[in-house]
Every structure is written in C-alpha cells, then in structure tokens.
Protein backbone atom coordinates (compact mmCIF):
# COMPACT_ATOMS: atom_id res chain seq x y z
CA MET A 1 14.34 -18.95 3.10
CA PRO A 2 12.63 -15.76 5.34
CA VAL A 3 10.20 -13.85 3.02
CA MET A 4 9.69 -10.18 3.58
CA CYS A 5 6.57 -8.23 2.75
CA ILE A 6 6.84 -4.79 3.20
CA LEU A 7 3.23 -2.81 2.35
CA PHE A 8 2.77 0.33 1.39
CA PRO A 9 -0.65 0.98 3.28
CA ARG A 10 -3.21 3.92 1.25
CA LEU A 11 -0.98 4.22 -1.80
CA PRO A 12 -3.39 4.63 -3.90
CA ILE A 13 -4.79 7.37 -2.07
CA VAL A 14 -1.16 9.17 -1.42
CA LEU A 15 -0.90 8.76 -5.17
CA ALA A 16 -4.51 10.16 -5.47
CA HIS A 17 -3.46 13.32 -3.39
CA ALA A 18 0.01 13.46 -5.49
CA GLN A 19 -1.97 14.22 -8.35
CA ARG A 20 -4.58 16.30 -7.40
CA PRO A 21 -3.31 17.68 -3.79
CA GLN A 22 -6.53 20.38 -4.01
CA PHE A 23 -8.27 17.46 -2.66
CA ALA A 24 -5.73 17.20 0.51
CA GLY A 25 -8.01 16.53 3.94
CA ARG A 26 -11.24 15.74 1.90
CA VAL A 27 -13.19 12.72 1.46
CA ILE A 28 -11.68 10.71 -1.34
CA VAL A 29 -12.90 7.59 -2.48
CA LEU A 30 -11.13 5.79 -5.29
CA ALA A 31 -13.50 3.87 -7.14
CA SER A 32 -13.52 1.26 -9.96
CA GLY A 33 -16.51 0.96 -13.01
CA ALA A 34 -19.36 3.46 -13.73
CA GLY A 35 -22.24 5.32 -12.17
CA GLU A 36 -23.42 4.28 -8.56
CA ASP A 37 -22.77 0.66 -9.30
CA ALA A 38 -19.13 0.94 -8.98
CA LEU A 39 -17.01 -0.65 -6.39
CA VAL A 40 -14.65 1.56 -3.94
CA THR A 41 -11.30 0.35 -4.01
CA ALA A 42 -9.57 2.75 -1.92
CA VAL A 43 -10.63 5.12 0.55
CA SER A 44 -8.94 8.38 2.13
CA ALA A 45 -8.63 8.37 6.16
CA PRO A 46 -11.36 10.71 6.24
CA ALA A 47 -13.80 8.53 4.57
CA ALA A 48 -12.88 5.40 6.41
CA ARG A 49 -13.75 7.71 9.50
CA GLU A 50 -17.27 8.00 7.89
CA SER A 51 -17.38 4.06 7.73
CA ILE A 52 -16.95 3.90 3.83
CA VAL A 53 -14.78 0.89 2.79
CA PRO A 54 -13.65 -0.85 0.04
CA GLY A 55 -15.76 -3.34 -1.49
CA MET A 56 -19.37 -1.02 -0.89
CA THR A 57 -20.56 0.85 -3.92
CA ALA A 58 -20.43 4.01 -4.82
CA ALA A 59 -23.89 4.61 -4.06
CA GLU A 60 -23.76 3.13 -0.20
CA ALA A 61 -20.70 5.57 0.40
CA ARG A 62 -22.20 8.43 -1.40
CA ARG A 63 -25.18 8.03 1.00
CA LEU A 64 -22.44 8.05 4.00
CA SER A 65 -20.82 11.00 2.54
CA PRO A 66 -22.94 13.20 0.13
CA SER A 67 -19.70 15.61 -0.21
CA ALA A 68 -17.30 12.99 -0.92
CA VAL A 69 -14.80 13.53 -3.65
CA PHE A 70 -15.29 10.11 -5.97
CA LEU A 71 -12.66 9.84 -8.68
CA PRO A 72 -11.57 6.51 -10.78
CA ASP A 73 -9.32 3.64 -9.59
CA ASN A 74 -5.35 4.27 -10.18
CA PRO A 75 -3.91 0.74 -10.03
CA GLY A 76 -1.75 1.43 -13.03
CA ALA A 77 0.00 4.43 -10.88
CA CYS A 78 0.11 1.93 -7.78
CA LEU A 79 2.19 -0.75 -9.72
CA GLU A 80 4.30 2.00 -11.14
CA ALA A 81 5.16 2.80 -7.92
CA LEU A 82 5.64 -0.84 -6.59
CA GLU A 83 7.83 -1.37 -9.56
CA HIS A 84 10.02 1.93 -8.56
CA ALA A 85 10.36 0.78 -5.19
CA ALA A 86 11.25 -3.07 -6.31
CA SER A 87 13.83 -1.71 -8.80
CA LEU A 88 15.42 0.72 -6.05
CA VAL A 89 15.85 -2.73 -3.60
CA ARG A 90 17.06 -5.01 -6.67
CA SER A 91 19.42 -2.26 -6.88
CA ARG A 92 20.93 -2.12 -3.54
CA PHE A 93 19.86 -5.21 -1.88
CA THR A 94 18.51 -8.43 -3.56
CA THR A 95 17.10 -9.30 -7.21
CA ARG A 96 14.80 -11.61 -5.67
CA VAL A 97 11.75 -9.23 -5.41
CA GLU A 98 8.54 -9.25 -6.89
CA VAL A 99 5.45 -7.13 -6.71
CA GLY A 100 2.82 -9.04 -4.56
CA GLY A 101 -0.21 -6.79 -5.31
CA ARG A 102 -1.53 -2.98 -5.78
CA ASP A 103 0.19 -2.13 -2.30
CA HIS A 104 2.66 -4.77 -1.49
CA ILE A 105 6.03 -6.03 -2.67
CA PHE A 106 7.83 -9.46 -1.80
CA LEU A 107 11.64 -10.03 -1.15
CA GLU A 108 13.28 -13.24 -0.26
CA LEU A 109 16.08 -12.80 2.19
CA PRO A 110 19.28 -15.03 2.84
CA GLY A 111 19.36 -16.30 6.27
CA ARG A 112 16.65 -17.29 9.05
CA PRO A 113 14.13 -14.80 10.14
CA GLY A 114 15.70 -13.55 13.31
CA ALA A 115 19.25 -12.90 11.39
CA THR A 116 17.91 -10.81 9.22
CA ASP A 117 15.90 -8.06 11.19
CA THR A 118 19.07 -5.81 10.74
CA LEU A 119 18.31 -6.35 6.67
CA ALA A 120 15.38 -5.96 6.94
CA SER A 121 15.60 -3.04 8.93
CA ALA A 122 17.78 -1.51 6.58
CA ILE A 123 15.66 -1.94 3.70
CA THR A 124 13.11 -0.67 4.98
CA ALA A 125 15.14 2.44 6.29
CA TYR A 126 16.50 3.30 2.47
CA LEU A 127 13.11 2.93 0.70
CA THR A 128 11.29 5.48 3.04
CA ALA A 129 14.17 7.83 2.23
CA PHE A 130 14.30 6.95 -1.53
CA THR A 131 9.90 7.18 -2.13
CA GLY A 132 9.04 9.09 0.66
CA HIS A 133 5.64 6.84 1.08
CA ASP A 134 4.88 5.48 4.54
CA LEU A 135 5.20 2.13 4.83
CA ARG A 136 5.15 -1.46 6.52
CA ALA A 137 6.96 -4.50 6.83
CA SER A 138 7.21 -8.18 8.29
CA VAL A 139 9.92 -11.15 7.77
CA ALA A 140 8.45 -14.65 8.10
CA THR A 141 8.57 -17.93 6.54
CA SER A 142 5.90 -17.58 4.03
CA ARG A 143 4.08 -14.72 1.79
CA ALA A 144 0.74 -15.04 3.42
CA ALA A 145 2.05 -14.67 6.98
CA ALA A 146 4.27 -11.84 5.96
CA LEU A 147 1.50 -10.23 4.48
CA THR A 148 -0.81 -10.76 7.23
CA ALA A 149 1.82 -9.24 9.79
CA ALA A 150 2.74 -6.47 7.42
CA ARG A 151 -0.80 -5.39 7.55
CA CYS A 152 -1.22 -5.85 11.67
CA ALA A 153 1.88 -3.72 12.14
CA ARG A 154 2.01 -0.04 12.89
CA ASN A 155 5.53 1.01 11.53
CA GLY A 156 8.90 -0.33 10.94
CA VAL A 157 9.60 -4.23 11.06
CA ALA A 158 7.16 -6.23 12.54
C-alpha cells in the first residue's frame, strides 16, 4: 500500500514565531537543555544562513551568532499541531494517519503510488488551506522512502 509523508518544514520555528511575533526576521535558535551545553533542536532561516545547525551546542551557536535569540524547544506544540493536521485528514480522507515525528505525519493511501497523485495533491491542498503551514509531501512504497523524498521536495507532492 502506498505511503504518503506530509512534512511541515521548520514547524518548530513557525510555532515559535506564532507565540513570539516580535522575533520575526531575527536569528532564532530553539534549544533543549540548560546553559551553554543545551543542544540546538531547530533554527530559523537566518540562523541557518549563519551556519547554525541542529545538534550543535548553544555555546557553538552563540559563537556563530552572538545576537541570536535562544528559545526553549517546543516539541509539545509541534505534536499538537501535527495531531490537528492528522485529525483534519482523518475527518475527510482516511483514518490511516499517524504522527511520525515532530515535523511529519504518515498516511496509508489506497491504490498504487502512480494512481494516488490526485488524492495526494488534494490532501496537500486541503492541509495547506486549513493549517496555514507550508508543507512538503511525497508518496512512496515505504515510510522511510516517503520521508526522504518529502525532505528533498521543494513544494507540492514528490
């Protein structure tokens, strides 16, 4: 059965901006833990341009961008947003939906991968309209392949 992965790129940052709009356009770094040993979990586009990446320590990120705004990680808010997206899909398209991580959901689609393009496009358009979030999607024969393709997609369904 074809698997669709819907990826919400930079969801943690989008949700952080929604809670703190005064930081729009700034170098935003989300971190888990305390102090300089905290680990970076997500970064804004301006932070990525300054070579800050998830996995580095807060101290490393601060050296790269002394004016960066450091905020606490928000996995609960991410999962809440994904559960909302999953419930939208369940109510209209299919009940076979699961949250796959902090930035993506998986759906099992009926039919062959080539025959599901129209359904996948409809789901993507529906979620974009109702959540307001940018998303990427892919249909493949396995979850791993669908997630990899969604991470590589620019927009729409890969």
